[in-house]
Amino acid sequence: MPTKEQIIETLKTVVDPEIHADIYTLGLIYEIKVGDEGIDILMTLTTPFCPYGEQIVQNVEKALKKFGVEVRVDLTFEPEWKPSEETRIALGLSPEDEKIIERRRDGK
């Protein structure tokens, strides 16, 4: 069974194709559970209208399958994702990235 640290490192390889940042650093992963039954991930997307949502979830599943255990990914939008100021600075989110996030949040 993989460790939580191994799972985190693997999740850091999954990138939001529009923002070009990994989903773990973005703060899209809310919970990681590792047990006898496999790996459970509770995550969110930048908005419910994320055009790459299905692709991101599939990429998470594909990345974690390398551990040879069952992988379950559940999406939630509570709480709504908002990048912290620290995350914005660390990722170097540009004003254009911020506009993309806001458009997604508004369903555009």
C-alpha atoms as a PDB file:
ATOM      1  CA  MET A   1       0.000   0.000   0.000  1.00  0.00           C
ATOM      2  CA  PRO A   2       1.418   3.421  -0.890  1.00  0.00           C
ATOM      3  CA  THR A   3       2.099   6.005   1.781  1.00  0.00           C
ATOM      4  CA  LYS A   4       0.249   9.307   1.891  1.00  0.00           C
ATOM      5  CA  GLU A   5       3.512  11.030   0.920  1.00  0.00           C
ATOM      6  CA  GLN A   6       3.832   8.838  -2.198  1.00  0.00           C
ATOM      7  CA  ILE A   7       0.257   9.675  -3.142  1.00  0.00           C
ATOM      8  CA  ILE A   8       0.887  13.398  -2.675  1.00  0.00           C
ATOM      9  CA  GLU A   9       3.987  13.247  -4.870  1.00  0.00           C
ATOM     10  CA  THR A  10       1.954  11.445  -7.532  1.00  0.00           C
ATOM     11  CA  LEU A  11      -0.882  13.990  -7.317  1.00  0.00           C
ATOM     12  CA  LYS A  12       1.674  16.740  -7.893  1.00  0.00           C
ATOM     13  CA  THR A  13       2.170  15.296 -11.392  1.00  0.00           C
ATOM     14  CA  VAL A  14      -1.479  15.956 -12.308  1.00  0.00           C
ATOM     15  CA  VAL A  15      -1.776  19.421 -13.827  1.00  0.00           C
ATOM     16  CA  ASP A  16      -4.792  21.639 -14.416  1.00  0.00           C
ATOM     17  CA  PRO A  17      -4.412  22.110 -18.199  1.00  0.00           C
ATOM     18  CA  GLU A  18      -5.767  25.642 -18.180  1.00  0.00           C
ATOM     19  CA  ILE A  19      -3.898  27.074 -15.183  1.00  0.00           C
ATOM     20  CA  HIS A  20      -0.751  24.990 -15.751  1.00  0.00           C
ATOM     21  CA  ALA A  21      -0.274  24.196 -12.067  1.00  0.00           C
ATOM     22  CA  ASP A  22      -0.522  20.893 -10.262  1.00  0.00           C
ATOM     23  CA  ILE A  23      -3.767  20.100  -8.476  1.00  0.00           C
ATOM     24  CA  TYR A  24      -2.152  19.408  -5.100  1.00  0.00           C
ATOM     25  CA  THR A  25      -0.325  22.728  -4.928  1.00  0.00           C
ATOM     26  CA  LEU A  26      -3.483  24.487  -6.128  1.00  0.00           C
ATOM     27  CA  GLY A  27      -5.269  23.088  -3.077  1.00  0.00           C
ATOM     28  CA  LEU A  28      -7.807  21.046  -5.039  1.00  0.00           C
ATOM     29  CA  ILE A  29      -7.193  17.934  -2.921  1.00  0.00           C
ATOM     30  CA  TYR A  30      -9.251  18.094   0.270  1.00  0.00           C
ATOM     31  CA  GLU A  31      -8.695  14.609   1.667  1.00  0.00           C
ATOM     32  CA  ILE A  32      -6.559  11.521   1.052  1.00  0.00           C
ATOM     33  CA  LYS A  33      -7.444   8.226   2.701  1.00  0.00           C
ATOM     34  CA  VAL A  34      -5.345   5.097   2.336  1.00  0.00           C
ATOM     35  CA  GLY A  35      -6.737   1.821   3.603  1.00  0.00           C
ATOM     36  CA  ASP A  36      -7.111  -1.866   2.941  1.00  0.00           C
ATOM     37  CA  GLU A  37      -9.806  -1.022   0.389  1.00  0.00           C
ATOM     38  CA  GLY A  38      -7.520   1.242  -1.648  1.00  0.00           C
ATOM     39  CA  ILE A  39      -7.130   4.989  -2.068  1.00  0.00           C
ATOM     40  CA  ASP A  40      -9.956   7.486  -1.569  1.00  0.00           C
ATOM     41  CA  ILE A  41      -9.511  11.045  -2.802  1.00  0.00           C
ATOM     42  CA  LEU A  42     -11.894  13.884  -1.991  1.00  0.00           C
ATOM     43  CA  MET A  43     -11.208  16.795  -4.264  1.00  0.00           C
ATOM     44  CA  THR A  44     -12.703  19.820  -5.899  1.00  0.00           C
ATOM     45  CA  LEU A  45     -12.183  21.736  -9.107  1.00  0.00           C
ATOM     46  CA  THR A  46     -11.498  25.422  -9.539  1.00  0.00           C
ATOM     47  CA  THR A  47     -15.229  25.762 -10.286  1.00  0.00           C
ATOM     48  CA  PRO A  48     -18.148  23.412 -10.955  1.00  0.00           C
ATOM     49  CA  PHE A  49     -17.971  24.626 -14.573  1.00  0.00           C
ATOM     50  CA  CYS A  50     -14.314  23.646 -15.085  1.00  0.00           C
ATOM     51  CA  PRO A  51     -14.079  22.585 -18.748  1.00  0.00           C
ATOM     52  CA  TYR A  52     -11.329  20.101 -17.878  1.00  0.00           C
ATOM     53  CA  GLY A  53     -13.020  18.590 -14.826  1.00  0.00           C
ATOM     54  CA  GLU A  54     -13.612  15.141 -16.258  1.00  0.00           C
ATOM     55  CA  GLN A  55     -10.103  15.029 -17.705  1.00  0.00           C
ATOM     56  CA  ILE A  56      -8.536  16.044 -14.370  1.00  0.00           C
ATOM     57  CA  VAL A  57     -10.456  13.349 -12.467  1.00  0.00           C
ATOM     58  CA  GLN A  58      -9.434  10.753 -15.062  1.00  0.00           C
ATOM     59  CA  ASN A  59      -5.817  11.888 -14.794  1.00  0.00           C
ATOM     60  CA  VAL A  60      -5.934  11.498 -11.001  1.00  0.00           C
ATOM     61  CA  GLU A  61      -7.326   7.977 -11.339  1.00  0.00           C
ATOM     62  CA  LYS A  62      -4.775   7.059 -13.995  1.00  0.00           C
ATOM     63  CA  ALA A  63      -1.842   8.454 -12.002  1.00  0.00           C
ATOM     64  CA  LEU A  64      -2.823   6.599  -8.818  1.00  0.00           C
ATOM     65  CA  LYS A  65      -3.542   3.281 -10.580  1.00  0.00           C
ATOM     66  CA  LYS A  66       0.228   2.749 -10.720  1.00  0.00           C
ATOM     67  CA  PHE A  67       0.021   1.668  -7.080  1.00  0.00           C
ATOM     68  CA  GLY A  68      -2.055  -1.349  -8.102  1.00  0.00           C
ATOM     69  CA  VAL A  69      -4.933  -0.665  -5.713  1.00  0.00           C
ATOM     70  CA  GLU A  70      -8.505   0.485  -6.141  1.00  0.00           C
ATOM     71  CA  VAL A  71      -8.820   4.253  -6.559  1.00  0.00           C
ATOM     72  CA  ARG A  72     -11.974   6.214  -5.798  1.00  0.00           C
ATOM     73  CA  VAL A  73     -12.213   9.925  -6.561  1.00  0.00           C
ATOM     74  CA  ASP A  74     -15.122  11.941  -5.216  1.00  0.00           C
ATOM     75  CA  LEU A  75     -15.791  15.554  -6.201  1.00  0.00           C
ATOM     76  CA  THR A  76     -17.209  18.159  -3.879  1.00  0.00           C
ATOM     77  CA  PHE A  77     -17.761  21.868  -4.251  1.00  0.00           C
ATOM     78  CA  GLU A  78     -18.137  22.553  -0.538  1.00  0.00           C
ATOM     79  CA  PRO A  79     -16.242  24.513   0.433  1.00  0.00           C
ATOM     80  CA  GLU A  80     -15.843  26.446  -2.779  1.00  0.00           C
ATOM     81  CA  TRP A  81     -12.217  26.507  -3.885  1.00  0.00           C
ATOM     82  CA  LYS A  82     -10.398  29.794  -3.612  1.00  0.00           C
ATOM     83  CA  PRO A  83      -6.630  30.023  -3.923  1.00  0.00           C
ATOM     84  CA  SER A  84      -4.982  31.485  -0.858  1.00  0.00           C
ATOM     85  CA  GLU A  85      -2.777  34.530  -1.297  1.00  0.00           C
ATOM     86  CA  GLU A  86       0.175  32.288  -0.460  1.00  0.00           C
ATOM     87  CA  THR A  87      -0.843  29.871  -3.230  1.00  0.00           C
ATOM     88  CA  ARG A  88      -1.268  32.709  -5.715  1.00  0.00           C
ATOM     89  CA  ILE A  89       2.205  34.014  -4.959  1.00  0.00           C
ATOM     90  CA  ALA A  90       3.867  30.584  -4.816  1.00  0.00           C
ATOM     91  CA  LEU A  91       2.372  29.569  -8.148  1.00  0.00           C
ATOM     92  CA  GLY A  92       2.918  32.933  -9.726  1.00  0.00           C
ATOM     93  CA  LEU A  93      -0.711  33.065 -10.831  1.00  0.00           C
ATOM     94  CA  SER A  94      -0.914  35.841 -13.347  1.00  0.00           C
ATOM     95  CA  PRO A  95      -3.793  38.272 -13.712  1.00  0.00           C
ATOM     96  CA  GLU A  96      -4.840  36.220 -16.767  1.00  0.00           C
ATOM     97  CA  ASP A  97      -4.923  33.059 -14.620  1.00  0.00           C
ATOM     98  CA  GLU A  98      -7.113  34.912 -12.125  1.00  0.00           C
ATOM     99  CA  LYS A  99      -9.476  35.922 -14.951  1.00  0.00           C
ATOM    100  CA  ILE A 100      -9.694  32.301 -16.127  1.00  0.00           C
ATOM    101  CA  ILE A 101     -10.581  31.196 -12.607  1.00  0.00           C
ATOM    102  CA  GLU A 102     -13.256  33.891 -12.276  1.00  0.00           C
ATOM    103  CA  ARG A 103     -14.767  33.065 -15.687  1.00  0.00           C
ATOM    104  CA  ARG A 104     -14.935  29.405 -14.694  1.00  0.00           C
ATOM    105  CA  ARG A 105     -16.586  30.303 -11.405  1.00  0.00           C
ATOM    106  CA  ASP A 106     -19.198  32.318 -13.301  1.00  0.00           C
ATOM    107  CA  GLY A 107     -19.830  29.418 -15.674  1.00  0.00           C
ATOM    108  CA  LYS A 108     -18.410  31.151 -18.749  1.00  0.00           C
END
